[in-house]
Amino acid sequence: MSSFEITGGRQLKGEIIPQGAKNEALQVICACLLTSEKVTIHNIPAIRDVNKLIELLQALGVKVTSEGSSSYSFIADEIDLNYLDTQEFKEKVGALRGSIMILGPMVARFGRGIVYAPGGDKIGRRRLDTHFSGLQKLGAVFTYDPADQLFSVTTKELKGSYMLLDEASVTGTANIVMAAVLAHGTTTIFNAACEPYLFQLCNMLIRMGAKIEGIGSNLLTIQGVTELHGCDHTLLSDMIEVGSFIGLAAMTRSAITIRNVNYQQLGLIPDVFRRLGIEVLRQGDDIFIPQHDHYEVESFMDGSIMTIADAPWPGFTPDLISIVLVVATQAAGSILIHQKMFESRLFFVDKLIDMGAKIILCDPHRATVIGLDRQHPLRGIRMSSPDIRAGVALLIAALSAEGKSIIDNIEQIDRGYQEIDLRLRKLGADIRRI
């Protein structure tokens, strides 16, 4: 198990390019299972979760070829369905939450899909009901073996259906869309997730021959087709990395340019950081964050304390709540952080308190941060990364802190951030992998 050793308190400088979007990559790579033809995907991040998914598809029989830096081609013309019943398949699926998204394509094209209780971040309950209920409405039969924690879905034929999703699940919507594009008839999905990842997935499927209307909204209409074809697809920049780098610049008093951010797809992210008093300057498709020796949290118009909460898109993404919380620790003013969507994602604040932050954890969903206004720098400590996003939030805190910090369990960070230590060193950070 590896750790990061960080000596904080150094100003950084320069420019950084975000990796391809992790959450989009997991969806569009699974979509390659929908056709026997060649699909080429560009800007794929070299991170643990994506690499594990590619290894899983290769084990299923998908031919994967590197097409140069960050580009891969996928040909799913010889899928080994017997592999679904092996212990190796169970272990690979159980180690990766994103593996759930092979279910829709497998059921749509081959009439059968199996997944086991998936792994991933330990951030509270992340139920799979939306995935299964959507596939059931398309005509799939769902069974669950609690002894093996095995979810099995079979069908003789998928048929289009109207459905109102009980939650706007991103991966649930993706799974249902990928199944519906090969179903007979028309499928209408209301309360669909509409994140940029879904926008990208749907546009990729259209280039493959799918018929989808309402892209970018929460009402999707899909006319099923008999087959899909190959295509080329390029991933967006990872908006979670963009938000992380904005927070990093503010906390470390650094002037940083973030290149090629796909600004139109960032939604509320720049505005939320502006509410913390951070200047986010758009320069074409880049963002420049000037040096901040001081930043002050806004209040609401009636003078009440600023509250930042996550919500389904186009609300503020829950993946950046941890970053916003850390950035608020050195702001002037107080703020209430409300993490609505996951009940265990704020439990990392005990480590920030040990570093000297003033935080009141009200309950599993809410924390009040009393900004230190740079009067009392955070101090370096030894800590462990509980999940991807909290891990990077702690990394940002350590880079701003006085003294040395060690972050253990950095495999969690590596799941979502490509060579983050090497890229930070190019900005001037004192960080090494031990």
Protein backbone atom coordinates (compact mmCIF):
# COMPACT_ATOMS: atom_id res chain seq x y z
CA MET A 1 0.00 0.00 0.00
CA SER A 2 1.38 3.40 -1.01
CA SER A 3 1.26 6.80 0.66
CA PHE A 4 1.87 10.43 -0.28
CA GLU A 5 4.42 12.42 1.71
CA ILE A 6 3.69 16.13 1.36
CA THR A 7 5.48 19.19 2.67
CA GLY A 8 2.89 21.93 2.52
CA GLY A 9 2.87 25.70 2.55
CA ARG A 10 4.39 26.14 -0.91
CA GLN A 11 2.87 28.38 -3.55
CA LEU A 12 2.32 26.68 -6.88
CA LYS A 13 2.43 28.19 -10.33
CA GLY A 14 1.82 27.19 -13.92
CA GLU A 15 -0.82 25.42 -15.93
CA ILE A 16 -2.45 22.04 -15.76
CA ILE A 17 -4.63 20.08 -18.17
CA PRO A 18 -7.52 18.03 -16.73
CA GLN A 19 -7.68 14.36 -17.64
CA GLY A 20 -10.59 12.85 -19.55
CA ALA A 21 -13.77 12.52 -17.52
CA LYS A 22 -13.68 9.39 -15.35
CA ASN A 23 -17.46 9.03 -15.02
CA GLU A 24 -18.00 9.46 -18.75
CA ALA A 25 -15.25 6.96 -19.54
CA LEU A 26 -16.91 4.22 -17.48
CA GLN A 27 -20.17 4.66 -19.41
CA VAL A 28 -18.93 4.97 -22.97
CA ILE A 29 -16.46 2.08 -22.61
CA CYS A 30 -19.37 -0.16 -21.56
CA ALA A 31 -21.32 1.07 -24.61
CA CYS A 32 -18.73 -0.65 -26.83
CA LEU A 33 -20.47 -3.93 -25.92
CA LEU A 34 -23.52 -2.83 -27.96
CA THR A 35 -21.85 -3.45 -31.33
CA SER A 36 -19.53 -5.93 -33.00
CA GLU A 37 -17.84 -3.12 -34.90
CA LYS A 38 -14.80 -1.07 -33.93
CA VAL A 39 -15.32 1.78 -31.49
CA THR A 40 -12.44 4.20 -30.88
CA ILE A 41 -12.42 6.39 -27.77
CA HIS A 42 -10.00 9.28 -27.21
CA ASN A 43 -8.84 11.12 -24.05
CA ILE A 44 -9.26 8.06 -21.81
CA PRO A 45 -7.66 8.70 -18.39
CA ALA A 46 -5.08 6.17 -17.18
CA ILE A 47 -6.63 5.66 -13.74
CA ARG A 48 -7.31 2.53 -11.72
CA ASP A 49 -11.10 2.36 -12.16
CA VAL A 50 -10.92 2.81 -15.93
CA ASN A 51 -8.03 0.37 -16.29
CA LYS A 52 -9.93 -2.25 -14.28
CA LEU A 53 -12.99 -1.84 -16.50
CA ILE A 54 -10.87 -2.26 -19.66
CA GLU A 55 -9.33 -5.40 -18.15
CA LEU A 56 -12.83 -6.73 -17.43
CA LEU A 57 -13.93 -6.19 -21.03
CA GLN A 58 -10.78 -7.86 -22.31
CA ALA A 59 -11.53 -10.88 -20.12
CA LEU A 60 -15.02 -11.00 -21.65
CA GLY A 61 -13.44 -11.23 -25.09
CA VAL A 62 -13.36 -7.59 -26.22
CA LYS A 63 -10.33 -6.84 -28.40
CA VAL A 64 -8.69 -3.71 -26.97
CA THR A 65 -5.91 -1.94 -28.88
CA SER A 66 -3.97 1.17 -27.92
CA GLU A 67 -4.30 3.78 -30.67
CA GLY A 68 -1.76 6.19 -29.22
CA SER A 69 -1.70 8.43 -26.17
CA SER A 70 -5.01 8.12 -24.28
CA SER A 71 -6.82 6.51 -27.26
CA TYR A 72 -8.09 2.93 -27.47
CA SER A 73 -10.15 0.91 -29.92
CA PHE A 74 -12.64 -1.73 -28.77
CA ILE A 75 -14.09 -4.58 -30.87
CA ALA A 76 -16.72 -6.70 -29.07
CA ASP A 77 -17.29 -9.29 -31.82
CA GLU A 78 -16.48 -12.43 -29.80
CA ILE A 79 -17.93 -12.18 -26.29
CA ASP A 80 -17.47 -15.21 -24.03
CA LEU A 81 -20.77 -15.51 -22.15
CA ASN A 82 -19.45 -18.48 -20.16
CA TYR A 83 -16.98 -16.12 -18.50
CA LEU A 84 -19.92 -14.59 -16.61
CA ASP A 85 -20.12 -17.75 -14.49
CA THR A 86 -16.48 -17.80 -13.37
CA GLN A 87 -14.95 -16.86 -10.05
CA GLU A 88 -12.55 -14.52 -11.85
CA PHE A 89 -15.47 -12.54 -13.28
CA LYS A 90 -17.00 -12.26 -9.80
CA GLU A 91 -13.77 -10.91 -8.36
CA LYS A 92 -13.24 -8.38 -11.15
CA VAL A 93 -16.82 -7.09 -10.96
CA GLY A 94 -16.81 -6.94 -7.17
CA ALA A 95 -13.74 -4.68 -7.20
CA LEU A 96 -15.29 -2.02 -9.44
CA ARG A 97 -18.58 -0.20 -8.97
CA GLY A 98 -18.58 0.97 -12.60
CA SER A 99 -18.95 -2.65 -13.69
CA ILE A 100 -22.70 -2.33 -13.09
CA MET A 101 -22.92 -0.52 -16.43
CA ILE A 102 -22.07 -3.61 -18.47
CA LEU A 103 -25.51 -4.93 -17.48
CA GLY A 104 -27.65 -2.87 -19.87
CA PRO A 105 -25.49 -3.53 -22.97
CA MET A 106 -25.13 -7.25 -22.18
CA VAL A 107 -28.87 -7.76 -21.69
CA ALA A 108 -29.74 -5.70 -24.78
CA ARG A 109 -27.36 -7.51 -27.14
CA PHE A 110 -27.00 -10.98 -25.63
CA GLY A 111 -30.13 -11.40 -23.52
CA ARG A 112 -28.18 -12.06 -20.35
CA GLY A 113 -26.20 -10.10 -17.80
CA ILE A 114 -24.71 -10.83 -14.39
CA VAL A 115 -23.13 -8.53 -11.85
CA TYR A 116 -22.09 -9.04 -8.26
CA ALA A 117 -22.35 -6.57 -5.42
CA PRO A 118 -19.99 -3.88 -6.73
CA GLY A 119 -17.15 -2.17 -4.91
CA GLY A 120 -16.11 1.48 -5.03
CA ASP A 121 -16.21 4.33 -2.53
CA LYS A 122 -17.43 3.70 1.00
CA ILE A 123 -19.64 6.78 1.13
CA GLY A 124 -22.92 5.26 2.28
CA ARG A 125 -25.70 3.32 0.64
CA ARG A 126 -25.71 3.44 -3.14
CA ARG A 127 -28.67 1.32 -4.13
CA LEU A 128 -29.11 -0.30 -7.53
CA ASP A 129 -32.92 -0.36 -7.66
CA THR A 130 -33.13 2.22 -10.47
CA HIS A 131 -30.96 0.05 -12.71
CA PHE A 132 -33.02 -3.06 -12.17
CA SER A 133 -36.50 -1.53 -12.17
CA GLY A 134 -35.73 0.23 -15.47
CA LEU A 135 -34.55 -3.00 -17.09
CA GLN A 136 -37.59 -4.81 -15.71
CA LYS A 137 -39.89 -2.29 -17.37
CA LEU A 138 -38.15 -3.08 -20.64
CA GLY A 139 -39.06 -6.74 -20.14
CA ALA A 140 -36.00 -8.17 -18.41
CA VAL A 141 -36.35 -10.72 -15.61
CA PHE A 142 -34.33 -9.94 -12.49
CA THR A 143 -33.17 -12.42 -9.83
CA TYR A 144 -30.95 -11.96 -6.79
CA ASP A 145 -28.92 -14.60 -4.97
CA PRO A 146 -28.17 -13.18 -1.51
CA ALA A 147 -25.68 -15.95 -0.69
CA ASP A 148 -23.39 -14.96 -3.57
CA GLN A 149 -24.65 -11.34 -3.75
CA LEU A 150 -25.33 -12.08 -7.42
CA PHE A 151 -27.67 -9.99 -9.56
CA SER A 152 -28.81 -11.80 -12.71
CA VAL A 153 -30.91 -10.30 -15.50
CA THR A 154 -32.21 -12.22 -18.51
CA THR A 155 -34.60 -11.54 -21.36
CA LYS A 156 -35.88 -13.10 -24.56
CA GLU A 157 -36.73 -9.70 -25.95
CA LEU A 158 -36.63 -6.13 -24.66
CA LYS A 159 -39.62 -3.93 -25.48
CA GLY A 160 -39.90 -0.18 -25.22
CA SER A 161 -41.80 1.22 -22.27
CA TYR A 162 -42.70 4.44 -20.46
CA MET A 163 -40.96 4.82 -17.12
CA LEU A 164 -40.69 7.44 -14.39
CA LEU A 165 -37.43 6.86 -12.55
CA ASP A 166 -37.63 6.98 -8.76
CA GLU A 167 -34.33 8.89 -8.70
CA ALA A 168 -32.28 10.64 -11.36
CA SER A 169 -29.47 8.11 -11.09
CA VAL A 170 -26.63 8.82 -13.52
CA THR A 171 -25.44 5.24 -13.88
CA GLY A 172 -29.02 3.94 -13.69
CA THR A 173 -30.08 6.21 -16.55
CA ALA A 174 -27.02 5.19 -18.57
CA ASN A 175 -27.77 1.50 -18.09
CA ILE A 176 -31.41 1.90 -19.13
CA VAL A 177 -30.52 4.04 -22.17
CA MET A 178 -27.95 1.50 -23.36
CA ALA A 179 -30.54 -1.26 -23.08
CA ALA A 180 -33.37 0.75 -24.66
CA VAL A 181 -31.47 1.64 -27.85
CA LEU A 182 -31.72 -2.03 -28.92
CA ALA A 183 -35.23 -2.67 -27.54
CA HIS A 184 -38.24 -3.04 -29.84
CA GLY A 185 -40.44 0.05 -29.93
CA THR A 186 -40.31 3.36 -28.10
CA THR A 187 -38.94 3.96 -24.62
CA THR A 188 -39.71 7.14 -22.70
CA ILE A 189 -37.61 7.90 -19.63
CA PHE A 190 -38.86 10.69 -17.35
CA ASN A 191 -36.72 11.99 -14.48
CA ALA A 192 -33.65 10.85 -16.40
CA ALA A 193 -30.28 12.10 -15.21
CA CYS A 194 -29.01 14.85 -17.52
CA GLU A 195 -25.36 15.23 -16.48
CA PRO A 196 -22.82 16.01 -19.22
CA TYR A 197 -21.80 12.34 -19.03
CA LEU A 198 -25.28 11.33 -20.26
CA PHE A 199 -25.19 14.04 -22.90
CA GLN A 200 -21.93 12.58 -24.19
CA LEU A 201 -23.13 8.97 -24.01
CA CYS A 202 -26.34 9.71 -25.92
CA ASN A 203 -24.51 11.59 -28.64
CA MET A 204 -22.06 8.71 -28.99
CA LEU A 205 -24.95 6.25 -29.30
CA ILE A 206 -26.55 8.43 -32.00
CA ARG A 207 -23.30 8.29 -33.99
CA MET A 208 -23.52 4.50 -33.61
CA GLY A 209 -27.01 4.56 -35.13
CA ALA A 210 -29.31 4.98 -32.11
CA LYS A 211 -32.39 7.23 -32.20
CA ILE A 212 -32.62 9.39 -29.07
CA GLU A 213 -34.50 12.64 -28.52
CA GLY A 214 -34.39 15.03 -25.57
CA ILE A 215 -30.65 14.81 -24.98
CA GLY A 216 -29.54 17.11 -22.17
CA SER A 217 -33.01 17.12 -20.56
CA ASN A 218 -34.68 14.87 -18.00
CA LEU A 219 -37.10 13.46 -20.60
CA LEU A 220 -35.55 11.06 -23.08
CA THR A 221 -37.40 9.35 -25.92
CA ILE A 222 -35.65 6.40 -27.53
CA GLN A 223 -36.76 4.57 -30.66
CA GLY A 224 -35.15 1.14 -30.65
CA VAL A 225 -33.05 -0.04 -33.59
CA THR A 226 -31.95 -3.53 -34.62
CA GLU A 227 -28.19 -2.90 -34.53
CA LEU A 228 -25.54 -0.33 -33.79
CA HIS A 229 -22.27 0.41 -35.55
CA GLY A 230 -18.79 1.62 -34.73
CA CYS A 231 -17.79 5.24 -34.15
CA ASP A 232 -15.14 7.61 -32.83
CA HIS A 233 -15.72 9.41 -29.55
CA THR A 234 -13.71 11.93 -27.48
CA LEU A 235 -14.23 12.32 -23.74
CA LEU A 236 -14.85 15.69 -22.11
CA SER A 237 -12.34 17.05 -19.63
CA ASP A 238 -13.09 15.84 -16.11
CA MET A 239 -15.16 18.57 -14.45
CA ILE A 240 -14.35 17.13 -11.01
CA GLU A 241 -10.65 17.64 -11.68
CA VAL A 242 -11.40 21.19 -12.86
CA GLY A 243 -13.18 21.94 -9.57
CA SER A 244 -10.40 20.27 -7.59
CA PHE A 245 -7.76 22.44 -9.26
CA ILE A 246 -9.78 25.61 -8.58
CA GLY A 247 -9.82 24.67 -4.90
CA LEU A 248 -6.14 23.77 -4.95
CA ALA A 249 -5.18 27.17 -6.35
CA ALA A 250 -7.21 29.08 -3.77
CA MET A 251 -5.97 27.07 -0.78
CA THR A 252 -2.28 27.31 -1.74
CA ARG A 253 -2.38 31.02 -2.73
CA SER A 254 -1.34 29.99 -6.22
CA ALA A 255 -1.86 31.44 -9.70
CA ILE A 256 -2.86 28.49 -11.88
CA THR A 257 -4.27 28.20 -15.39
CA ILE A 258 -6.51 25.20 -16.05
CA ARG A 259 -6.51 24.38 -19.75
CA ASN A 260 -9.23 22.98 -22.03
CA VAL A 261 -11.96 22.75 -19.39
CA ASN A 262 -15.04 22.47 -21.69
CA TYR A 263 -16.41 25.51 -19.87
CA GLN A 264 -19.96 25.21 -21.21
CA GLN A 265 -20.26 21.79 -19.53
CA LEU A 266 -19.15 22.94 -16.06
CA GLY A 267 -22.63 24.04 -14.96
CA LEU A 268 -22.67 25.69 -11.52
CA ILE A 269 -19.09 24.73 -10.61
CA PRO A 270 -17.43 28.12 -11.32
CA ASP A 271 -20.27 30.04 -9.63
CA VAL A 272 -20.14 27.94 -6.46
CA PHE A 273 -16.44 28.70 -6.03
CA ARG A 274 -17.17 32.37 -6.70
CA ARG A 275 -19.59 32.27 -3.74
CA LEU A 276 -16.59 31.35 -1.61
CA GLY A 277 -14.94 34.57 -2.78
CA ILE A 278 -12.66 32.93 -5.34
CA GLU A 279 -12.00 34.68 -8.66
CA VAL A 280 -12.64 32.24 -11.49
CA LEU A 281 -11.65 33.97 -14.71
CA ARG A 282 -12.68 32.45 -18.01
CA GLN A 283 -10.16 32.82 -20.83
CA GLY A 284 -11.68 31.17 -23.89
CA ASP A 285 -11.94 27.51 -22.93
CA ASP A 286 -9.39 27.91 -20.11
CA ILE A 287 -9.81 29.07 -16.52
CA PHE A 288 -7.31 31.26 -14.69
CA ILE A 289 -7.27 31.39 -10.90
CA PRO A 290 -5.18 34.34 -9.66
CA GLN A 291 -3.31 34.26 -6.34
CA HIS A 292 -5.69 34.56 -3.38
CA ASP A 293 -4.20 35.84 -0.14
CA HIS A 294 -7.75 36.39 1.09
CA TYR A 295 -11.19 35.21 0.00
CA GLU A 296 -14.49 35.85 1.74
CA VAL A 297 -17.64 33.75 1.70
CA GLU A 298 -20.73 35.52 0.45
CA SER A 299 -23.93 35.70 2.47
CA PHE A 300 -27.42 35.26 1.11
CA MET A 301 -29.32 38.46 0.23
CA ASP A 302 -31.13 38.45 3.57
CA GLY A 303 -27.81 38.19 5.42
CA SER A 304 -28.19 34.54 6.41
CA ILE A 305 -25.27 32.09 6.32
CA MET A 306 -24.28 30.76 2.92
CA THR A 307 -25.35 27.15 2.32
CA ILE A 308 -23.87 24.98 -0.39
CA ALA A 309 -25.67 21.74 -1.12
CA ASP A 310 -25.35 19.04 -3.75
CA ALA A 311 -28.20 18.10 -6.08
CA PRO A 312 -28.78 16.14 -9.28
CA TRP A 313 -27.61 17.98 -12.40
CA PRO A 314 -27.93 20.82 -13.19
CA GLY A 315 -27.46 21.25 -9.45
CA PHE A 316 -24.00 21.21 -7.86
CA THR A 317 -22.27 17.85 -8.19
CA PRO A 318 -21.80 15.87 -4.95
CA ASP A 319 -18.30 14.90 -6.09
CA LEU A 320 -17.07 18.43 -5.28
CA ILE A 321 -18.69 18.87 -1.88
CA SER A 322 -15.52 17.60 -0.16
CA ILE A 323 -13.38 20.10 -2.10
CA VAL A 324 -15.66 23.03 -1.28
CA LEU A 325 -15.62 22.09 2.40
CA VAL A 326 -11.82 22.10 2.53
CA VAL A 327 -11.56 25.41 0.65
CA ALA A 328 -14.01 26.98 3.11
CA THR A 329 -11.68 26.24 6.04
CA GLN A 330 -9.37 29.12 5.04
CA ALA A 331 -12.06 31.54 3.87
CA ALA A 332 -13.26 34.57 5.82
CA GLY A 333 -16.75 33.79 7.06
CA SER A 334 -18.83 30.74 7.83
CA ILE A 335 -20.68 28.33 5.59
CA LEU A 336 -23.05 25.38 5.94
CA ILE A 337 -22.16 22.38 3.76
CA HIS A 338 -25.15 20.12 3.11
CA GLN A 339 -24.29 16.76 1.54
CA LYS A 340 -27.76 15.46 0.70
CA MET A 341 -27.05 12.52 -1.55
CA PHE A 342 -24.64 10.35 0.50
CA GLU A 343 -24.72 9.91 4.25
CA SER A 344 -21.05 9.02 4.89
CA ARG A 345 -19.19 11.47 2.71
CA LEU A 346 -18.54 14.06 5.42
CA PHE A 347 -16.95 11.72 7.92
CA PHE A 348 -13.45 12.71 6.75
CA VAL A 349 -13.80 16.09 8.51
CA ASP A 350 -12.31 14.63 11.70
CA LYS A 351 -8.96 14.66 9.90
CA LEU A 352 -9.39 18.32 8.99
CA ILE A 353 -10.25 19.10 12.61
CA ASP A 354 -7.01 17.38 13.63
CA MET A 355 -5.23 19.70 11.18
CA GLY A 356 -6.71 22.72 12.98
CA ALA A 357 -9.85 23.43 10.96
CA LYS A 358 -12.94 24.74 12.75
CA ILE A 359 -15.76 22.45 11.66
CA ILE A 360 -18.91 21.36 13.44
CA LEU A 361 -20.24 18.08 12.05
CA CYS A 362 -23.95 18.56 12.68
CA ASP A 363 -25.00 15.11 11.43
CA PRO A 364 -23.97 12.71 8.63
CA HIS A 365 -25.23 15.18 6.03
CA ARG A 366 -24.34 18.66 7.35
CA ALA A 367 -21.21 20.42 8.50
CA THR A 368 -20.71 24.05 9.53
CA VAL A 369 -17.30 25.44 8.59
CA ILE A 370 -15.99 28.49 10.43
CA GLY A 371 -13.37 29.98 8.13
CA LEU A 372 -9.93 30.71 9.58
CA ASP A 373 -9.25 33.56 7.11
CA ARG A 374 -5.59 32.45 6.86
CA GLN A 375 -5.04 33.52 10.49
CA HIS A 376 -4.26 29.96 11.55
CA PRO A 377 -2.75 27.72 8.85
CA LEU A 378 -3.63 24.06 8.87
CA ARG A 379 -0.90 21.78 10.26
CA GLY A 380 0.46 18.62 8.71
CA ILE A 381 -0.64 15.24 10.13
CA ARG A 382 -0.80 11.57 9.11
CA MET A 383 -4.18 10.51 7.73
CA SER A 384 -5.83 7.99 5.42
CA SER A 385 -7.88 8.52 2.27
CA PRO A 386 -11.41 7.09 2.75
CA ASP A 387 -12.60 7.61 -0.85
CA ILE A 388 -11.55 9.31 -4.08
CA ARG A 389 -13.00 12.77 -3.49
CA ALA A 390 -12.25 13.02 0.24
CA GLY A 391 -8.73 11.80 -0.53
CA VAL A 392 -8.10 14.67 -2.95
CA ALA A 393 -9.68 17.14 -0.50
CA LEU A 394 -7.21 15.97 2.15
CA LEU A 395 -4.41 16.25 -0.40
CA ILE A 396 -5.34 19.88 -1.05
CA ALA A 397 -5.45 20.52 2.70
CA ALA A 398 -1.99 18.97 3.12
CA LEU A 399 -0.52 21.07 0.30
CA SER A 400 -1.74 24.22 2.06
CA ALA A 401 -0.72 23.13 5.57
CA GLU A 402 2.43 23.96 7.50
CA GLY A 403 4.80 21.05 7.92
CA LYS A 404 4.74 17.50 6.66
CA SER A 405 1.67 15.35 6.03
CA ILE A 406 1.39 11.70 5.07
CA ILE A 407 -1.74 10.38 3.34
CA ASP A 408 -2.15 6.61 3.40
CA ASN A 409 -4.42 4.46 1.21
CA ILE A 410 -3.75 6.62 -1.83
CA GLU A 411 -4.96 3.81 -4.07
CA GLN A 412 -8.33 5.46 -3.53
CA ILE A 413 -7.00 8.69 -5.06
CA ASP A 414 -5.38 6.77 -7.93
CA ARG A 415 -8.81 5.36 -8.79
CA GLY A 416 -9.90 8.78 -10.03
CA TYR A 417 -6.85 11.04 -10.60
CA GLN A 418 -4.18 10.23 -13.18
CA GLU A 419 -0.58 10.63 -11.95
CA ILE A 420 -1.72 13.40 -9.63
CA ASP A 421 1.63 13.54 -7.81
CA LEU A 422 3.61 13.99 -11.04
CA ARG A 423 1.29 16.70 -12.32
CA LEU A 424 1.37 18.57 -9.01
CA ARG A 425 5.16 18.46 -8.91
CA LYS A 426 5.21 20.24 -12.28
CA LEU A 427 3.33 23.07 -10.54
CA GLY A 428 5.95 23.17 -7.79
CA ALA A 429 4.34 20.97 -5.13
CA ASP A 430 6.55 19.07 -2.69
CA ILE A 431 4.90 15.65 -2.94
CA ARG A 432 6.31 12.18 -3.33
CA ARG A 433 4.95 8.66 -3.41
CA ILE A 434 6.31 6.35 -0.69
